[in-house]
């Protein structure tokens, strides 16, 4: 989603072997086993998917690659997930790498983010307590006939 897509797809066509496969994937909003934590995560994602701050490249990810231009016939794949068990500090450090959060901070959106971080902290428990995060993976897979 960060590529110049038309140029990337032209390069795929140029270099792929006969009947080669292209696979692209992304992940987006994580889930936890705690519905209350998920509500805070949803609020955070509402902030960073606001149309005023949502860059087109990130929009593709937030739309689970369903709208990204993809000129190949898609192959249906099973559902995949990745999981990680993390403490609160790891979670916040991870969230601070989100491009949407970085953009909000650059545009003085600190207050809303910090309020949500405090809500997360209250629900999380002790900062060293670990909780499992689950990310659905969104795949685009196709056989490319060169």
N, C-alpha and C. Protein backbone atom coordinates (compact mmCIF):
# COMPACT_ATOMS: atom_id res chain seq x y z
N UNK A 1 0.81 -1.20 0.00
CA UNK A 1 0.00 0.00 0.00
C UNK A 1 0.85 1.26 0.00
N UNK A 2 2.14 1.15 0.27
CA UNK A 2 3.02 2.32 0.24
C UNK A 2 3.69 2.49 -1.12
N UNK A 3 3.49 1.54 -2.02
CA UNK A 3 4.11 1.60 -3.34
C UNK A 3 3.30 2.48 -4.29
N UNK A 4 3.95 2.89 -5.38
CA UNK A 4 3.22 3.42 -6.52
C UNK A 4 2.69 2.18 -7.21
N UNK A 5 1.42 1.91 -7.02
CA UNK A 5 0.86 0.60 -7.36
C UNK A 5 1.01 0.23 -8.83
N UNK A 6 0.70 1.13 -9.74
CA UNK A 6 0.79 0.78 -11.16
C UNK A 6 2.22 0.40 -11.53
N UNK A 7 3.20 1.14 -11.04
CA UNK A 7 4.60 0.81 -11.32
C UNK A 7 4.98 -0.53 -10.69
N UNK A 8 4.49 -0.77 -9.49
CA UNK A 8 4.78 -2.03 -8.82
C UNK A 8 4.19 -3.22 -9.60
N UNK A 9 2.94 -3.09 -10.01
CA UNK A 9 2.32 -4.18 -10.75
C UNK A 9 2.99 -4.42 -12.10
N UNK A 10 3.44 -3.35 -12.76
CA UNK A 10 4.20 -3.51 -14.00
C UNK A 10 5.48 -4.30 -13.74
N UNK A 11 6.13 -4.01 -12.63
CA UNK A 11 7.37 -4.72 -12.29
C UNK A 11 7.09 -6.19 -11.95
N UNK A 12 5.98 -6.45 -11.28
CA UNK A 12 5.59 -7.83 -11.00
C UNK A 12 5.43 -8.58 -12.33
N UNK A 13 4.72 -7.98 -13.27
CA UNK A 13 4.51 -8.62 -14.58
C UNK A 13 5.85 -8.87 -15.29
N UNK A 14 6.77 -7.94 -15.13
CA UNK A 14 8.05 -8.05 -15.83
C UNK A 14 8.92 -9.18 -15.28
N UNK A 15 8.94 -9.36 -13.95
CA UNK A 15 9.92 -10.27 -13.36
C UNK A 15 9.37 -11.62 -12.94
N UNK A 16 8.06 -11.76 -12.90
CA UNK A 16 7.52 -13.01 -12.35
C UNK A 16 7.68 -14.17 -13.34
N UNK A 17 7.95 -15.33 -12.81
CA UNK A 17 8.05 -16.53 -13.64
C UNK A 17 6.66 -16.92 -14.14
N UNK A 18 6.62 -17.72 -15.18
CA UNK A 18 5.35 -18.20 -15.71
C UNK A 18 4.54 -18.85 -14.59
N UNK A 19 3.30 -18.47 -14.50
CA UNK A 19 2.38 -18.97 -13.47
C UNK A 19 2.88 -18.70 -12.05
N UNK A 20 3.67 -17.64 -11.89
CA UNK A 20 4.12 -17.25 -10.55
C UNK A 20 2.97 -16.71 -9.72
N UNK A 21 3.22 -16.58 -8.45
CA UNK A 21 2.18 -16.12 -7.53
C UNK A 21 2.64 -14.84 -6.85
N UNK A 22 1.73 -13.89 -6.76
CA UNK A 22 1.96 -12.68 -5.98
C UNK A 22 1.13 -12.80 -4.71
N UNK A 23 1.73 -12.45 -3.60
CA UNK A 23 1.01 -12.45 -2.33
C UNK A 23 1.35 -11.16 -1.60
N UNK A 24 0.33 -10.44 -1.22
CA UNK A 24 0.49 -9.21 -0.45
C UNK A 24 -0.42 -9.33 0.77
N UNK A 25 0.02 -8.77 1.87
CA UNK A 25 -0.80 -8.87 3.07
C UNK A 25 -0.61 -7.63 3.93
N UNK A 26 -1.58 -7.41 4.78
CA UNK A 26 -1.48 -6.32 5.75
C UNK A 26 -2.25 -6.75 7.00
N UNK A 27 -2.08 -5.97 8.04
CA UNK A 27 -2.88 -6.16 9.25
C UNK A 27 -3.29 -4.79 9.70
N UNK A 28 -4.25 -4.73 10.57
CA UNK A 28 -4.81 -3.46 10.97
C UNK A 28 -5.13 -3.49 12.46
N UNK A 29 -6.38 -3.31 12.76
CA UNK A 29 -6.82 -3.19 14.16
C UNK A 29 -6.74 -4.54 14.86
N UNK A 30 -6.09 -4.54 16.01
CA UNK A 30 -6.01 -5.78 16.79
C UNK A 30 -7.23 -5.90 17.69
N UNK A 31 -7.44 -7.08 18.16
CA UNK A 31 -8.49 -7.40 19.11
C UNK A 31 -7.84 -8.01 20.34
N UNK A 32 -8.58 -8.00 21.44
CA UNK A 32 -8.15 -8.69 22.66
C UNK A 32 -9.29 -9.60 23.09
N UNK A 33 -9.08 -10.34 24.15
CA UNK A 33 -10.15 -11.17 24.69
C UNK A 33 -11.10 -10.37 25.58
N UNK A 34 -10.80 -9.09 25.79
CA UNK A 34 -11.58 -8.24 26.68
C UNK A 34 -12.42 -7.25 25.87
N UNK A 35 -13.75 -7.40 25.88
CA UNK A 35 -14.62 -6.49 25.09
C UNK A 35 -14.45 -5.02 25.46
N UNK A 36 -14.17 -4.73 26.74
CA UNK A 36 -13.99 -3.33 27.15
C UNK A 36 -12.71 -2.74 26.56
N UNK A 37 -11.64 -3.52 26.55
CA UNK A 37 -10.41 -3.06 25.90
C UNK A 37 -10.65 -2.83 24.41
N UNK A 38 -11.42 -3.72 23.79
CA UNK A 38 -11.71 -3.57 22.36
C UNK A 38 -12.47 -2.28 22.06
N UNK A 39 -13.33 -1.85 22.98
CA UNK A 39 -14.05 -0.59 22.78
C UNK A 39 -13.08 0.59 22.73
N UNK A 40 -12.06 0.57 23.57
CA UNK A 40 -11.06 1.64 23.57
C UNK A 40 -10.24 1.58 22.28
N UNK A 41 -9.87 0.39 21.86
CA UNK A 41 -9.14 0.22 20.60
C UNK A 41 -9.99 0.76 19.45
N UNK A 42 -11.29 0.49 19.47
CA UNK A 42 -12.18 1.01 18.43
C UNK A 42 -12.19 2.54 18.42
N UNK A 43 -12.24 3.15 19.60
CA UNK A 43 -12.22 4.62 19.68
C UNK A 43 -10.91 5.17 19.11
N UNK A 44 -9.81 4.52 19.42
CA UNK A 44 -8.52 4.94 18.91
C UNK A 44 -8.50 4.88 17.38
N UNK A 45 -9.04 3.79 16.86
CA UNK A 45 -9.08 3.64 15.40
C UNK A 45 -10.03 4.63 14.74
N UNK A 46 -11.08 5.03 15.45
CA UNK A 46 -11.95 6.08 14.90
C UNK A 46 -11.18 7.38 14.74
N UNK A 47 -10.31 7.67 15.71
CA UNK A 47 -9.48 8.88 15.60
C UNK A 47 -8.57 8.85 14.38
N UNK A 48 -7.91 7.72 14.17
CA UNK A 48 -6.90 7.67 13.10
C UNK A 48 -7.49 7.35 11.73
N UNK A 49 -8.79 7.02 11.68
CA UNK A 49 -9.42 6.80 10.37
C UNK A 49 -10.34 7.96 10.01
N UNK A 50 -10.27 9.02 10.77
CA UNK A 50 -11.01 10.24 10.45
C UNK A 50 -10.60 10.68 9.04
N UNK A 51 -11.57 10.96 8.16
CA UNK A 51 -11.22 11.34 6.78
C UNK A 51 -10.28 12.53 6.68
N UNK A 52 -10.25 13.39 7.70
CA UNK A 52 -9.35 14.55 7.67
C UNK A 52 -7.89 14.17 7.85
N UNK A 53 -7.61 13.00 8.40
CA UNK A 53 -6.22 12.59 8.64
C UNK A 53 -5.85 11.29 7.93
N UNK A 54 -6.80 10.68 7.23
CA UNK A 54 -6.56 9.36 6.66
C UNK A 54 -5.96 9.48 5.26
N UNK A 55 -4.71 9.16 5.13
CA UNK A 55 -4.01 9.14 3.85
C UNK A 55 -4.53 7.95 3.03
N UNK A 56 -4.60 8.08 1.70
CA UNK A 56 -5.13 7.02 0.85
C UNK A 56 -4.41 5.69 1.08
N UNK A 57 -3.09 5.71 1.23
CA UNK A 57 -2.35 4.46 1.42
C UNK A 57 -2.79 3.75 2.69
N UNK A 58 -3.04 4.51 3.75
CA UNK A 58 -3.51 3.89 5.00
C UNK A 58 -4.96 3.46 4.88
N UNK A 59 -5.72 4.17 4.05
CA UNK A 59 -7.13 3.82 3.86
C UNK A 59 -7.25 2.39 3.34
N UNK A 60 -6.36 2.01 2.42
CA UNK A 60 -6.39 0.63 1.91
C UNK A 60 -6.25 -0.39 3.05
N UNK A 61 -5.37 -0.11 3.98
CA UNK A 61 -5.17 -1.02 5.11
C UNK A 61 -6.42 -1.05 5.99
N UNK A 62 -6.96 0.12 6.30
CA UNK A 62 -8.14 0.17 7.16
C UNK A 62 -9.37 -0.44 6.48
N UNK A 63 -9.32 -0.53 5.17
CA UNK A 63 -10.39 -1.21 4.43
C UNK A 63 -10.02 -2.66 4.13
N UNK A 64 -9.02 -3.15 4.83
CA UNK A 64 -8.61 -4.57 4.80
C UNK A 64 -8.21 -5.05 3.40
N UNK A 65 -7.62 -4.15 2.63
CA UNK A 65 -7.18 -4.42 1.24
C UNK A 65 -8.34 -4.77 0.32
N UNK A 66 -9.57 -4.55 0.75
CA UNK A 66 -10.73 -4.87 -0.10
C UNK A 66 -10.86 -3.87 -1.25
N UNK A 67 -10.31 -2.67 -1.10
CA UNK A 67 -10.48 -1.62 -2.11
C UNK A 67 -9.19 -1.28 -2.83
N UNK A 68 -8.09 -1.90 -2.47
CA UNK A 68 -6.82 -1.59 -3.13
C UNK A 68 -6.88 -2.09 -4.57
N UNK A 69 -6.44 -1.28 -5.52
CA UNK A 69 -6.42 -1.77 -6.91
C UNK A 69 -5.52 -3.00 -7.00
N UNK A 70 -6.02 -4.05 -7.62
CA UNK A 70 -5.28 -5.31 -7.72
C UNK A 70 -5.66 -5.93 -9.06
N UNK A 71 -4.76 -5.83 -10.06
CA UNK A 71 -5.12 -6.21 -11.43
C UNK A 71 -5.02 -7.70 -11.74
N UNK A 72 -4.97 -8.53 -10.72
CA UNK A 72 -4.81 -9.97 -10.92
C UNK A 72 -6.04 -10.68 -10.37
N UNK A 73 -6.31 -11.87 -10.91
CA UNK A 73 -7.45 -12.65 -10.43
C UNK A 73 -7.11 -13.24 -9.06
N UNK A 74 -7.85 -12.81 -8.06
CA UNK A 74 -7.56 -13.21 -6.68
C UNK A 74 -7.83 -14.69 -6.44
N UNK A 75 -6.99 -15.26 -5.59
CA UNK A 75 -7.18 -16.62 -5.10
C UNK A 75 -7.74 -16.50 -3.68
N UNK A 76 -8.80 -17.22 -3.40
CA UNK A 76 -9.36 -17.22 -2.04
C UNK A 76 -8.40 -17.92 -1.10
N UNK A 77 -8.20 -17.33 0.06
CA UNK A 77 -7.30 -17.90 1.06
C UNK A 77 -8.05 -18.14 2.36
N UNK A 78 -7.54 -19.02 3.19
CA UNK A 78 -8.15 -19.17 4.52
C UNK A 78 -7.86 -17.92 5.35
N UNK A 79 -8.53 -17.81 6.47
CA UNK A 79 -8.27 -16.70 7.39
C UNK A 79 -7.00 -16.99 8.18
N UNK A 80 -6.18 -15.97 8.33
CA UNK A 80 -4.96 -16.07 9.12
C UNK A 80 -4.97 -14.97 10.18
N UNK A 81 -4.30 -15.25 11.28
CA UNK A 81 -4.19 -14.30 12.38
C UNK A 81 -2.77 -14.36 12.91
N UNK A 82 -2.32 -13.25 13.48
CA UNK A 82 -1.09 -13.31 14.26
C UNK A 82 -1.44 -12.85 15.66
N UNK A 83 -0.76 -13.42 16.63
CA UNK A 83 -1.03 -13.08 18.03
C UNK A 83 0.28 -12.78 18.73
N UNK A 84 0.17 -11.98 19.75
CA UNK A 84 1.33 -11.67 20.59
C UNK A 84 0.80 -11.33 21.98
N UNK A 85 1.47 -11.81 22.99
CA UNK A 85 1.11 -11.50 24.37
C UNK A 85 2.07 -10.42 24.85
N UNK A 86 1.50 -9.27 25.24
CA UNK A 86 2.33 -8.10 25.52
C UNK A 86 1.90 -7.43 26.83
N UNK A 87 2.81 -6.63 27.38
CA UNK A 87 2.45 -5.81 28.53
C UNK A 87 2.02 -4.42 28.03
N UNK A 88 1.57 -3.59 28.96
CA UNK A 88 1.03 -2.27 28.60
C UNK A 88 2.08 -1.39 27.94
N UNK A 89 3.30 -1.40 28.47
CA UNK A 89 4.36 -0.55 27.89
C UNK A 89 4.64 -0.94 26.44
N UNK A 90 4.68 -2.24 26.18
CA UNK A 90 4.88 -2.69 24.81
C UNK A 90 3.74 -2.20 23.92
N UNK A 91 2.51 -2.32 24.41
CA UNK A 91 1.34 -1.88 23.65
C UNK A 91 1.46 -0.41 23.26
N UNK A 92 1.78 0.44 24.22
CA UNK A 92 1.86 1.87 23.95
C UNK A 92 3.00 2.16 22.97
N UNK A 93 4.14 1.52 23.17
CA UNK A 93 5.26 1.72 22.23
C UNK A 93 4.85 1.28 20.82
N UNK A 94 4.13 0.18 20.72
CA UNK A 94 3.63 -0.29 19.43
C UNK A 94 2.66 0.73 18.82
N UNK A 95 1.69 1.19 19.60
CA UNK A 95 0.71 2.14 19.09
C UNK A 95 1.38 3.43 18.60
N UNK A 96 2.44 3.83 19.26
CA UNK A 96 3.14 5.06 18.88
C UNK A 96 3.83 4.94 17.51
N UNK A 97 3.91 3.72 16.95
CA UNK A 97 4.48 3.55 15.61
C UNK A 97 3.40 3.65 14.52
N UNK A 98 2.13 3.67 14.90
CA UNK A 98 1.06 3.78 13.90
C UNK A 98 1.21 5.10 13.15
N UNK A 99 1.22 5.08 11.83
CA UNK A 99 1.30 6.33 11.08
C UNK A 99 0.16 7.30 11.43
N UNK A 100 -1.04 6.79 11.67
CA UNK A 100 -2.16 7.66 12.02
C UNK A 100 -1.95 8.37 13.35
N UNK A 101 -1.36 7.70 14.31
CA UNK A 101 -1.09 8.34 15.60
C UNK A 101 0.03 9.36 15.45
N UNK A 102 1.04 9.03 14.67
CA UNK A 102 2.12 9.99 14.42
C UNK A 102 1.55 11.25 13.77
N UNK A 103 0.68 11.08 12.77
CA UNK A 103 0.06 12.23 12.11
C UNK A 103 -0.79 13.04 13.08
N UNK A 104 -1.57 12.37 13.92
CA UNK A 104 -2.39 13.09 14.90
C UNK A 104 -1.51 13.89 15.86
N UNK A 105 -0.44 13.29 16.32
CA UNK A 105 0.45 14.01 17.23
C UNK A 105 1.06 15.23 16.54
N UNK A 106 1.39 15.10 15.27
CA UNK A 106 1.96 16.23 14.53
C UNK A 106 0.93 17.35 14.36
N UNK A 107 -0.35 16.98 14.37
CA UNK A 107 -1.42 17.97 14.20
C UNK A 107 -2.09 18.31 15.53
N UNK A 108 -1.34 18.17 16.62
CA UNK A 108 -1.83 18.52 17.96
C UNK A 108 -3.02 17.69 18.42
N UNK A 109 -3.04 16.42 18.05
CA UNK A 109 -4.11 15.55 18.50
C UNK A 109 -3.74 14.78 19.76
N UNK A 110 -2.75 15.28 20.50
CA UNK A 110 -2.23 14.57 21.67
C UNK A 110 -3.30 14.31 22.72
N UNK A 111 -4.16 15.29 22.96
CA UNK A 111 -5.11 15.18 24.07
C UNK A 111 -6.00 13.95 23.92
N UNK A 112 -6.61 13.77 22.75
CA UNK A 112 -7.52 12.64 22.56
C UNK A 112 -6.78 11.31 22.67
N UNK A 113 -5.58 11.25 22.11
CA UNK A 113 -4.80 10.01 22.17
C UNK A 113 -4.46 9.69 23.62
N UNK A 114 -3.97 10.68 24.34
CA UNK A 114 -3.54 10.44 25.72
C UNK A 114 -4.70 10.05 26.62
N UNK A 115 -5.88 10.61 26.38
CA UNK A 115 -7.07 10.23 27.15
C UNK A 115 -7.38 8.75 26.91
N UNK A 116 -7.31 8.31 25.66
CA UNK A 116 -7.58 6.91 25.35
C UNK A 116 -6.51 6.00 25.94
N UNK A 117 -5.25 6.44 25.93
CA UNK A 117 -4.19 5.65 26.56
C UNK A 117 -4.46 5.48 28.04
N UNK A 118 -4.96 6.51 28.71
CA UNK A 118 -5.27 6.41 30.13
C UNK A 118 -6.43 5.44 30.36
N UNK A 119 -7.42 5.47 29.47
CA UNK A 119 -8.53 4.51 29.59
C UNK A 119 -8.02 3.08 29.40
N UNK A 120 -7.13 2.90 28.42
CA UNK A 120 -6.53 1.58 28.21
C UNK A 120 -5.79 1.12 29.46
N UNK A 121 -5.04 2.03 30.05
CA UNK A 121 -4.24 1.69 31.23
C UNK A 121 -5.13 1.25 32.39
N UNK A 122 -6.24 1.95 32.58
CA UNK A 122 -7.17 1.58 33.66
C UNK A 122 -7.70 0.17 33.48
N UNK A 123 -8.06 -0.17 32.27
CA UNK A 123 -8.63 -1.48 32.00
C UNK A 123 -7.57 -2.58 31.93
N UNK A 124 -6.36 -2.21 31.58
CA UNK A 124 -5.29 -3.18 31.36
C UNK A 124 -4.91 -3.91 32.63
N UNK A 125 -4.90 -3.18 33.73
CA UNK A 125 -4.39 -3.74 34.98
C UNK A 125 -2.98 -3.23 35.20
N UNK A 126 -2.19 -3.94 35.95
CA UNK A 126 -0.80 -3.57 36.20
C UNK A 126 -0.06 -3.45 34.88
N UNK A 127 0.83 -2.46 34.75
CA UNK A 127 1.49 -2.21 33.46
C UNK A 127 2.32 -3.40 32.97
N UNK A 128 2.73 -4.28 33.88
CA UNK A 128 3.50 -5.46 33.46
C UNK A 128 2.61 -6.68 33.22
N UNK A 129 1.29 -6.53 33.50
CA UNK A 129 0.36 -7.61 33.19
C UNK A 129 0.34 -7.81 31.68
N UNK A 130 0.26 -9.05 31.26
CA UNK A 130 0.27 -9.34 29.83
C UNK A 130 -1.11 -9.73 29.35
N UNK A 131 -1.45 -9.23 28.18
CA UNK A 131 -2.70 -9.57 27.51
C UNK A 131 -2.39 -9.96 26.07
N UNK A 132 -3.23 -10.81 25.53
CA UNK A 132 -3.01 -11.29 24.17
C UNK A 132 -3.67 -10.33 23.18
N UNK A 133 -2.90 -9.94 22.16
CA UNK A 133 -3.41 -9.15 21.05
C UNK A 133 -3.55 -10.09 19.85
N UNK A 134 -4.61 -9.89 19.09
CA UNK A 134 -4.89 -10.73 17.93
C UNK A 134 -5.13 -9.82 16.73
N UNK A 135 -4.34 -10.02 15.69
CA UNK A 135 -4.50 -9.24 14.46
C UNK A 135 -4.99 -10.16 13.35
N UNK A 136 -6.14 -9.87 12.75
CA UNK A 136 -6.50 -10.56 11.51
C UNK A 136 -5.54 -10.12 10.42
N UNK A 137 -5.14 -11.03 9.56
CA UNK A 137 -4.29 -10.71 8.42
C UNK A 137 -5.17 -10.68 7.18
N UNK A 138 -4.96 -9.67 6.35
CA UNK A 138 -5.73 -9.51 5.12
C UNK A 138 -4.81 -9.78 3.95
N UNK A 139 -5.18 -10.74 3.12
CA UNK A 139 -4.30 -11.20 2.05
C UNK A 139 -4.88 -10.93 0.67
N UNK A 140 -3.96 -10.63 -0.25
CA UNK A 140 -4.26 -10.60 -1.67
C UNK A 140 -3.29 -11.59 -2.29
N UNK A 141 -3.81 -12.61 -2.89
CA UNK A 141 -2.99 -13.66 -3.49
C UNK A 141 -3.54 -13.91 -4.89
N UNK A 142 -2.64 -14.05 -5.85
CA UNK A 142 -3.08 -14.33 -7.22
C UNK A 142 -1.98 -15.05 -7.98
N UNK A 143 -2.40 -15.88 -8.91
CA UNK A 143 -1.46 -16.47 -9.87
C UNK A 143 -1.35 -15.46 -11.01
N UNK A 144 -0.12 -15.15 -11.39
CA UNK A 144 0.11 -14.15 -12.44
C UNK A 144 0.57 -14.90 -13.68
N UNK A 145 -0.22 -14.82 -14.70
CA UNK A 145 0.16 -15.45 -15.97
C UNK A 145 0.99 -14.45 -16.77
N UNK A 146 2.28 -14.77 -16.93
CA UNK A 146 3.12 -13.83 -17.67
C UNK A 146 3.18 -14.18 -19.13
